[in-house]
Structures are given as structure tokens and as C-alpha cells.
Protein backbone atom coordinates (compact mmCIF):
# COMPACT_ATOMS: atom_id res chain seq x y z
CA MET A 1 120.36 143.45 73.13
CA ARG A 2 122.21 141.45 70.50
CA LEU A 3 125.07 139.23 71.58
CA ARG A 4 127.87 137.91 69.55
CA ARG A 5 127.52 134.20 69.06
CA GLY A 6 129.10 132.13 71.77
CA ARG A 7 129.33 134.93 74.37
CA THR A 8 127.41 135.73 77.56
CA PRO A 9 125.84 139.16 78.43
CA ALA A 10 129.01 139.91 80.41
CA GLY A 11 131.09 139.28 77.34
CA ARG A 12 132.67 136.04 78.53
CA PRO A 13 132.81 132.94 76.33
CA GLU A 14 129.97 130.51 77.02
CA GLY A 15 132.49 127.73 77.57
CA ASP A 16 133.98 129.60 80.54
CA GLU A 17 130.56 130.00 82.14
CA ARG A 18 129.74 126.33 81.65
CA GLY A 19 133.09 125.40 83.16
CA GLU A 20 132.42 127.57 86.22
CA HIS A 21 128.98 126.00 86.61
CA ARG A 22 130.46 122.48 86.49
CA ALA A 23 133.10 123.52 89.02
CA ARG A 24 130.44 124.85 91.44
CA ARG A 25 128.43 121.65 91.10
CA ALA A 26 131.56 119.58 91.73
CA ASP A 27 132.36 121.65 94.82
CA ARG A 28 128.84 121.17 96.19
CA ASP A 29 129.04 117.45 95.55
CA THR A 30 132.44 117.21 97.25
CA LEU A 31 131.13 119.08 100.30
CA ALA A 32 128.03 116.88 100.50
CA LEU A 33 130.02 113.63 100.21
CA SER A 34 132.61 114.75 102.77
CA THR A 35 129.91 115.81 105.25
CA LEU A 36 128.05 112.52 104.77
CA ALA A 37 131.31 110.59 105.23
CA VAL A 38 132.25 112.16 108.56
CA LEU A 39 128.70 111.84 109.97
CA PHE A 40 128.17 108.29 108.77
CA ALA A 41 131.64 107.09 109.83
CA SER A 42 131.19 108.69 113.28
CA ALA A 43 127.91 106.82 113.72
CA LEU A 44 129.51 103.65 112.38
CA GLY A 45 132.41 103.95 114.83
CA LEU A 46 129.94 104.56 117.63
CA SER A 47 128.10 101.36 116.69
CA SER A 48 131.30 99.31 117.04
CA VAL A 49 131.22 100.06 120.77
CA ALA A 50 127.54 100.67 121.48
CA LEU A 51 126.11 97.47 119.97
CA PRO A 52 128.40 95.02 121.83
CA LEU A 53 127.87 96.97 125.07
CA ARG A 54 124.11 96.82 124.59
CA ALA A 55 124.32 93.04 124.13
CA LEU A 56 126.56 92.60 127.19
CA ASP A 57 124.31 94.86 129.27
CA ALA A 58 121.38 92.60 128.38
CA GLY A 59 123.27 89.55 129.67
CA HIS A 60 124.30 88.01 126.36
CA GLY A 61 127.69 86.29 126.33
CA ALA A 62 130.69 86.70 124.09
CA GLY A 63 129.62 83.68 122.05
CA ILE A 64 126.33 85.31 121.05
CA ILE A 65 128.12 88.54 120.15
CA GLY A 66 130.63 86.59 118.07
CA LEU A 67 127.82 84.93 116.12
CA LEU A 68 126.12 88.28 115.52
CA VAL A 69 129.38 89.80 114.24
CA ALA A 70 129.86 86.79 111.95
CA LEU A 71 126.29 87.17 110.66
CA SER A 72 126.91 90.85 109.95
CA ALA A 73 130.16 90.08 108.12
CA PHE A 74 128.46 87.45 105.97
CA VAL A 75 125.60 89.80 105.04
CA GLN A 76 128.07 92.55 104.20
CA ILE A 77 130.17 90.30 101.94
CA VAL A 78 127.10 89.03 100.06
CA THR A 79 125.68 92.55 99.73
CA ARG A 80 128.93 94.03 98.40
CA SER A 81 129.21 91.25 95.84
CA ARG A 82 125.82 92.23 94.37
CA LEU A 83 126.09 96.03 94.46
CA GLY A 84 127.93 96.21 91.13
CA ALA A 85 124.83 94.84 89.40
CA VAL A 86 122.54 97.02 91.53
CA MET A 87 124.35 100.19 90.42
CA ARG A 88 123.53 99.32 86.81
CA ARG A 89 119.88 99.75 87.78
CA VAL A 90 119.84 102.53 90.41
CA PRO A 91 122.12 105.57 90.89
CA ASP A 92 124.88 105.33 93.49
CA SER A 93 123.33 108.37 95.19
CA VAL A 94 120.25 106.28 96.04
CA LEU A 95 122.42 103.75 97.88
CA LEU A 96 124.20 106.62 99.66
CA ALA A 97 120.82 107.96 100.81
CA PHE A 98 119.76 104.49 101.97
CA ALA A 99 122.92 103.94 104.06
CA PRO A 100 122.27 106.52 106.84
CA VAL A 101 118.61 105.49 106.98
CA ALA A 102 119.59 101.84 107.51
CA LEU A 103 122.15 102.81 110.14
CA ALA A 104 119.63 104.95 112.04
CA LEU A 105 117.17 102.03 111.96
CA CYS A 106 119.92 99.76 113.30
CA PHE A 107 120.33 101.93 116.39
CA ALA A 108 116.55 102.30 116.80
CA VAL A 109 115.89 98.54 116.68
CA VAL A 110 118.62 97.78 119.22
CA LEU A 111 117.43 100.63 121.44
CA ALA A 112 113.86 99.31 121.37
CA SER A 113 114.83 95.80 122.49
CA PRO A 114 118.09 94.03 123.40
CA SER A 115 116.72 90.58 122.55
CA VAL A 116 118.81 88.30 120.36
CA ALA A 117 116.32 88.69 117.51
CA SER A 118 116.46 92.51 117.70
CA LEU A 119 120.24 92.47 117.92
CA ALA A 120 120.40 90.20 114.86
CA VAL A 121 118.18 92.60 112.89
CA GLY A 122 120.34 95.49 114.08
CA TRP A 123 123.59 93.86 113.00
CA VAL A 124 122.09 92.96 109.60
CA LEU A 125 121.00 96.59 109.10
CA LEU A 126 124.51 97.65 110.12
CA ALA A 127 126.00 95.37 107.45
CA LEU A 128 123.66 96.72 104.77
CA ALA A 129 124.44 100.31 105.73
CA ARG A 130 128.20 99.74 105.76
CA ALA A 131 128.22 97.86 102.44
CA CYS A 132 126.05 100.45 100.66
CA PHE A 133 127.93 103.47 101.97
CA TRP A 134 131.48 102.35 101.27
CA THR A 135 130.78 100.70 97.90
CA ALA A 136 128.57 103.50 96.58
CA GLY A 137 130.70 106.18 98.28
CA GLN A 138 133.92 104.99 96.68
CA THR A 139 132.12 104.71 93.35
CA HIS A 140 130.74 108.24 93.66
CA ALA A 141 134.16 109.60 94.67
CA VAL A 142 135.78 108.43 91.42
CA ARG A 143 133.00 109.41 88.99
CA GLY A 144 133.24 112.55 86.88
CA ARG A 145 136.57 113.61 88.37
CA SER A 146 139.94 114.12 86.71
CA SER A 147 141.70 112.39 89.63
CA SER A 148 140.26 109.20 91.14
CA LEU A 149 143.07 109.24 93.69
CA ARG A 150 142.24 112.68 95.08
CA GLY A 151 138.55 111.83 95.26
CA MET A 152 139.30 108.59 97.12
CA ALA A 153 141.79 110.31 99.45
CA ARG A 154 139.22 112.92 100.39
CA LEU A 155 136.52 110.33 101.13
CA ASN A 156 138.87 108.14 103.17
CA PHE A 157 140.21 111.09 105.15
CA TRP A 158 136.78 112.20 106.35
CA GLY A 159 135.70 108.60 106.86
CA SER A 160 138.82 107.87 108.92
CA LEU A 161 138.29 111.01 110.97
CA GLY A 162 134.78 109.91 111.82
CA ALA A 163 136.00 106.41 112.66
CA LEU A 164 138.37 107.93 115.22
CA VAL A 165 135.69 110.11 116.81
CA GLY A 166 132.87 107.54 116.97
CA PRO A 167 134.30 104.96 119.41
CA VAL A 168 135.57 107.67 121.77
CA LEU A 169 132.17 109.35 121.72
CA ALA A 170 130.46 106.03 122.42
CA GLY A 171 132.71 105.32 125.40
CA VAL A 172 132.05 108.74 126.93
CA LEU A 173 128.28 108.59 126.39
CA ALA A 174 128.01 105.01 127.66
CA GLU A 175 129.15 106.23 131.08
CA SER A 176 125.73 107.84 131.50
CA GLY A 177 123.89 104.90 129.95
CA ILE A 178 124.18 102.87 126.78
CA GLU A 179 120.80 104.21 125.67
CA THR A 180 122.33 107.70 125.40
CA ALA A 181 124.96 106.38 123.00
CA LEU A 182 122.30 104.65 120.88
CA VAL A 183 120.16 107.80 120.67
CA THR A 184 123.25 109.76 119.63
CA GLY A 185 123.88 107.16 116.93
CA ILE A 186 120.37 107.69 115.59
CA ALA A 187 120.97 111.45 115.54
CA LEU A 188 124.32 111.22 113.75
CA ALA A 189 123.01 108.82 111.14
CA GLY A 190 119.86 110.91 110.70
CA LEU A 191 121.91 114.04 110.11
CA GLY A 192 123.66 112.19 107.29
CA ILE A 193 120.43 111.97 105.30
CA ALA A 194 120.49 115.68 104.38
CA PRO A 195 123.91 115.71 102.64
CA SER A 196 123.07 112.43 100.90
CA LEU A 197 120.16 114.18 99.18
CA ALA A 198 122.45 116.99 97.99
CA LEU A 199 124.79 114.66 96.07
CA GLU A 200 125.22 114.85 92.30
CA ARG A 201 122.74 112.49 90.65
CA TYR A 202 124.92 110.46 88.33
CA PRO A 203 122.88 108.05 86.17
CA PRO A 204 123.09 104.28 86.72
CA PHE A 205 125.89 102.56 84.87
CA ALA A 206 125.05 101.21 81.43
CA LYS A 207 124.05 97.56 81.27
CA ARG A 208 126.56 95.19 79.75
CA GLN A 209 126.12 94.68 76.03
CA ALA A 210 127.96 91.36 76.14
CA LYS A 211 129.25 89.12 78.86
CA ALA A 212 132.83 90.05 79.75
CA LYS A 213 135.56 87.45 79.47
CA GLY A 214 136.75 86.45 82.93
CA ALA A 215 136.07 88.02 86.32
CA ILE A 216 136.68 91.74 86.56
CA TRP A 217 139.13 91.34 89.45
CA ARG A 218 141.50 89.38 87.19
CA ARG A 219 142.13 92.28 84.83
CA PRO A 220 145.51 94.07 84.85
CA GLY A 221 145.57 96.70 87.56
CA VAL A 222 142.31 95.49 89.10
CA ASP A 223 144.00 92.30 90.31
CA ALA A 224 146.74 94.27 92.08
CA ALA A 225 144.14 96.62 93.56
CA CYS A 226 142.07 93.72 94.92
CA TYR A 227 145.16 92.03 96.37
CA SER A 228 146.00 95.28 98.13
CA GLY A 229 142.38 95.39 99.30
CA ALA A 230 142.98 92.03 100.98
CA THR A 231 145.95 93.61 102.78
CA ALA A 232 143.92 96.64 103.87
CA GLY A 233 140.98 94.52 105.05
CA ALA A 234 143.13 92.01 106.92
CA TRP A 235 145.03 94.88 108.58
CA ARG A 236 141.79 96.36 109.89
CA GLY A 237 140.54 92.97 111.07
CA LEU A 238 143.75 92.29 113.00
CA MET A 239 143.85 95.81 114.45
CA ASP A 240 140.33 95.39 115.80
CA GLY A 241 140.95 91.85 117.06
CA TYR A 242 144.41 90.55 117.90
CA VAL A 243 146.64 93.61 118.20
CA PRO A 244 145.11 94.57 121.59
CA VAL A 245 145.50 90.94 122.66
CA VAL A 246 149.21 90.92 121.76
CA LEU A 247 149.79 94.20 123.60
CA GLU A 248 147.90 92.97 126.67
CA ALA A 249 150.03 89.81 126.69
CA ALA A 250 153.07 92.11 126.93
CA ARG A 251 151.56 93.38 130.21
CA HIS A 252 150.85 96.92 129.06
CA SER A 253 148.13 98.93 130.81
CA SER A 254 144.83 99.60 129.09
CA THR A 255 145.86 103.24 128.68
CA THR A 256 149.08 102.23 126.92
CA ILE A 257 147.24 99.75 124.70
CA GLY A 258 144.75 102.43 123.71
CA ALA A 259 147.54 104.88 122.96
CA LEU A 260 149.44 102.37 120.79
CA VAL A 261 146.34 101.44 118.81
CA SER A 262 145.66 105.16 118.36
CA VAL A 263 149.15 105.57 116.88
CA ALA A 264 148.29 103.07 114.14
CA ASN A 265 144.90 104.65 113.48
CA ALA A 266 146.34 108.18 113.42
CA THR A 267 149.13 107.30 110.98
CA SER A 268 146.53 105.56 108.84
CA VAL A 269 144.73 108.89 108.53
CA VAL A 270 148.04 110.56 107.65
CA GLY A 271 148.50 107.97 104.91
CA THR A 272 145.15 108.85 103.34
CA VAL A 273 146.18 112.52 103.25
CA VAL A 274 149.68 112.22 101.78
CA ILE A 275 148.64 109.77 99.06
CA GLY A 276 146.38 112.40 97.48
CA LYS A 277 149.50 114.25 96.26
CA LEU A 278 151.07 111.17 94.65
CA ARG A 279 152.73 111.61 91.27
CA ALA A 280 151.94 109.03 88.62
CA SER A 281 155.61 108.01 88.35
CA TRP A 282 155.63 107.07 92.04
CA THR A 283 152.62 104.75 91.90
CA ALA A 284 154.46 101.43 91.58
CA PRO A 285 157.10 102.02 94.30
CA THR A 286 154.45 103.48 96.62
CA PHE A 287 152.27 100.41 96.07
CA VAL A 288 155.15 98.10 97.02
CA LEU A 289 156.41 100.06 100.03
CA SER A 290 152.99 100.69 101.55
CA THR A 291 151.93 97.05 101.22
CA LEU A 292 155.19 95.86 102.78
CA ALA A 293 154.88 98.38 105.63
CA ALA A 294 151.27 97.42 106.42
CA GLY A 295 152.06 93.69 106.57
CA LEU A 296 155.53 93.58 108.09
CA GLY A 297 154.73 96.17 110.76
CA LEU A 298 152.12 93.79 112.17
CA ALA A 299 154.26 90.72 111.52
CA VAL A 300 157.00 91.84 113.93
CA LEU A 301 154.67 93.26 116.57
CA GLY A 302 154.49 90.07 118.62
CA TYR A 303 158.27 90.10 119.08
CA VAL A 304 158.70 93.83 119.83
CA SER A 305 155.52 94.47 121.82
CA GLY A 306 157.42 94.57 125.11
CA SER A 307 159.03 97.89 124.17
CA VAL A 308 156.54 100.74 123.91
CA PRO A 309 158.69 102.91 121.58
CA VAL A 310 159.50 100.02 119.22
CA ALA A 311 155.89 98.79 119.24
CA ALA A 312 154.72 102.35 118.48
CA LEU A 313 157.18 102.52 115.57
CA ALA A 314 156.00 99.19 114.16
CA LEU A 315 152.31 100.12 114.49
CA GLY A 316 152.94 103.61 113.14
CA LEU A 317 154.64 102.33 110.00
CA SER A 318 151.99 99.65 109.58
CA GLY A 319 149.20 102.21 109.93
CA LEU A 320 150.86 104.58 107.47
CA GLY A 321 151.17 101.80 104.90
CA ALA A 322 147.58 100.68 105.44
CA GLY A 323 146.29 104.24 105.07
CA VAL A 324 148.12 104.64 101.77
CA ILE A 325 147.11 101.28 100.32
CA GLN A 326 143.44 101.53 101.31
CA THR A 327 143.26 104.73 99.27
CA LEU A 328 145.60 103.82 96.43
CA GLY A 329 144.01 100.38 95.89
CA PRO A 330 140.47 101.44 94.95
CA ALA A 331 141.83 104.38 92.92
CA LEU A 332 143.94 101.94 90.89
CA ALA A 333 140.91 99.71 90.38
CA ALA A 334 138.83 102.65 89.14
CA THR A 335 141.47 103.82 86.65
CA SER A 336 141.98 100.29 85.29
CA VAL A 337 138.47 99.98 83.84
CA GLY A 338 136.09 102.03 81.70
CA GLU A 339 133.72 104.63 83.15
CA GLN A 340 130.71 102.28 82.96
CA GLU A 341 132.48 99.54 84.94
CA LYS A 342 133.51 101.62 87.95
CA GLY A 343 130.57 100.51 90.06
CA GLU A 344 131.29 96.85 89.38
CA VAL A 345 135.00 97.20 90.12
CA MET A 346 134.35 99.05 93.39
CA ALA A 347 131.98 96.26 94.43
CA ALA A 348 134.63 93.64 93.60
CA TYR A 349 137.30 95.53 95.56
CA GLY A 350 134.98 95.95 98.55
CA THR A 351 134.04 92.27 98.56
CA VAL A 352 137.70 91.22 98.69
CA ARG A 353 138.51 93.76 101.40
CA THR A 354 135.56 92.75 103.60
CA SER A 355 136.27 89.05 103.17
CA ALA A 356 139.89 89.56 104.27
CA MET A 357 138.78 91.66 107.24
CA PHE A 358 136.65 88.73 108.39
CA LEU A 359 139.04 85.88 107.52
CA ALA A 360 142.37 87.25 108.82
CA PRO A 361 141.36 87.08 112.51
CA LEU A 362 140.06 83.55 111.89
CA ALA A 363 143.45 82.61 110.43
CA VAL A 364 145.20 83.85 113.55
CA ALA A 365 142.63 82.08 115.73
CA GLY A 366 143.38 78.83 113.92
CA GLY A 367 147.11 79.43 114.13
CA ILE A 368 147.26 79.98 117.87
CA VAL A 369 145.90 76.48 118.39
CA VAL A 370 149.29 75.09 117.38
CA VAL A 371 151.74 78.03 117.67
CA PRO A 372 152.15 81.02 120.01
CA ILE A 373 150.31 84.25 119.16
CA PRO A 374 153.48 86.15 118.11
CA LEU A 375 154.37 83.44 115.56
CA ALA A 376 150.79 83.24 114.25
CA LEU A 377 150.76 87.03 113.82
CA LEU A 378 154.17 86.86 112.13
CA ILE A 379 152.90 84.34 109.56
CA VAL A 380 149.65 86.19 108.83
CA GLY A 381 151.38 89.59 108.81
CA ALA A 382 153.95 88.35 106.32
CA GLY A 383 151.06 87.12 104.19
CA LEU A 384 149.66 90.66 104.18
CA ALA A 385 152.86 91.83 102.47
CA LEU A 386 152.61 89.33 99.59
CA PRO A 387 150.42 91.55 97.35
CA SER A 388 153.49 93.78 96.88
CA PHE A 389 154.64 91.21 94.29
CA ALA A 390 151.58 92.04 92.15
CA VAL A 391 153.10 95.41 91.21
CA GLY A 392 154.02 94.10 87.75
CA SER A 393 150.33 94.07 86.88
CA LEU A 394 150.26 97.87 86.98
CA LYS A 395 152.50 98.04 83.90
CA ARG A 396 149.84 96.24 81.85
CA VAL A 397 147.00 98.64 82.67
CA PRO A 398 145.51 100.25 79.53
CA ALA A 399 145.49 104.04 79.36
CA PRO A 400 142.27 105.34 80.98
CA ALA A 401 139.75 107.30 79.02
CA PRO A 402 139.65 111.00 79.98
CA THR A 403 136.94 112.13 82.39
CA ALA A 404 135.47 115.47 83.22
CA SER A 405 137.13 117.35 86.03
């Protein structure tokens, strides 16, 4: 059977068939990354409860746990700072396959022994898993897609959903024994290995031909994205640390505190969803408003925490802003550089975000030595809003090169 040039046996143009094939591959990749995100984030959320409980159950004090958390944060910051160079040598999909393996090993080591040495190894593995998943995952989400923002919104939505489920699951399972929660963590992380192997195998990024002038985070657009990453990271650090303390000082019950924190986390998920529909003309005002909301919502919390409705409003607005900015920030970073620099820019963004997540609670801890907690939170929260002034950088971003959809 003779075919006219450029047509398939069904009579369709070859270009249409190739386009459909690319679309099917993109759909499979999206499904695999979303499945991996919800499984990995659920296991990660479970670890945030299960590991400290395992340490406490073994008789270790809060000081030891604090040192282990600090060790994990340090390892994560150092790892993220090097992953840009790593992704010029290995595909991001390899790091995404390594992440659930490392997380499963974390649970297994802590399950095997609750000694300080085993806990330290477990927290280090946790840091490696977290750094590899989020840096490589964000990189993968913005590669080969016509919209970096939609790819980032999808990843953050499923990751946020898992982060909501994991701690609740850990609390329920821990009632029948902390070992049950740890075994479940191994299972969840292990299940994440399968979708990681189904991801699109993008090649490593090209090696630099010449040394770039200046740090990548100082480029137009990337600087604003990294500043917003500091806001997003600090917001998460304060939510996990001092927000419950402020609410407890207002004499709320544990149930009320949990509900108020859930309001912030839930609106954060909403923020990741709505930002995926953002029009390009709304980018600058959305950047400003979301950064202001994330910072100022926490800044006023210490002075309105006595009223449940007002505290819920402040935390809800803060969570909504944080959800938007933690998705918009890395998308802006990705669209401000060339295709071969996306891995490096995601690593830079992640390093800033993780550093802020670790340092913001320390800033409040230092502040409360000389001022009351509400004032310390007001000062740090106001600082979280400062990146909104970096919006002018977005006007100097060069037009991005087109990518495949």
C-alpha cells in the first residue's frame, strides 16, 4: 500500500500523530508525578509526627530532638545547594526515584533502633529524601511544558494534600503503637517507587560552557522568586513552630488550636489550586498581594489570637497568600532562565526557602528573649511581607524561550 508523503495509514498528517503521542506521554508523566507527590508527601507528613514520637517514646528529651531537627535542616540546606550541579550529571528522574527509597530507609532505620545514632541517621536520610524530591520534583514539573505555573500548581496541590493526610494518619496509627506508624511510612514511601520509575526520562542539563556572571539568584525575576521563597519557607517554619504556641498562650483548647492551624493549611491548598489559572497580566499584583497576605496575616496573629473568628481570618488569609506564593515563586524562577538552567534555579530557590524555614523560628526565639511573643511575631511577620517590594524585578525578566507543551 502506497501512502502519500507525510500521511499515516489512516490518512492523518504525521504531525498530528506525533502530537497525540507527545500528549499521551505528557499525560502519563503528569499522572506518575502526581501519584508520587501524594504518596511521598503523605509519608513525609507522617514522619513529622512519627519520628519525634519515636524519640520521646525511647526517653530522649526535647533537647536531643531539637538537635536532630537542626542536623536534618543543615543537611537539607547543603544538599539543595548542590543539586543544581548534580542535575547536570544525572537526570532529575533519578533523584525522584532515590527520594522514596531514602524515605523508606529512614523509617526502617528508626524502626530498627531508637538510639540517638539511629535517629540521627534517620533524620539525615529524611533530609536527603526531602531535598531530592522537592528540588527534582519542581524541576521536573517545569520541564517540557508550555506552562511552568500549571505544572508547579499541580505538583504543589498533590504535595499539599499528602502533607495534610500524613500527620493525621500518624496520630491515628500511633494510638496502637508508634511502630505501626513507622511501618505504614515504609509502605507509603515504598509505593512511591513505582510511579517514580514511570516518569519521563529527561536528559541531564547541559554543562555550562562558560562561568556565568554573578549568582543565579541575583538575575531579574529569579531574585524576586527567591525572596518570595524566603517568605514561603519562613511561613512554614512559623506555622510548624510558634503559631501553636501563640494560640495556646491565648488559652485555646488543643482542638481549637488544631482547627485554626488546619484553616491555614487548607487555604494554602486552595492557593495552590487557584494560582494555576493566573493570567500573565495579573502576575505582578498577585505576587504583591500574596506576599503581603502571607506575612501580615501572621504578623497580627499575636494581637488577635484571643478571638477565634478573627484568628481564623488572619490565618486563612495568610495561608492563602502562602499557597499562592509557594507556587508562583518557583514558576517565576523557572521562566526567568533558559531551559538548561532550570535545575540550577530550582536548587537555588529551594536552598533559600529551606534556609528561611529553619531561620525564621530562630529569629522569633531570639526575639522573645527581649520582647513578648506577639511583638516578636509581629516583627518577623512584617519581615515576611518585605519581598513584595521586589515586584519591580519582574518587569526586567527577558522573554522566555518557547517550550514544548
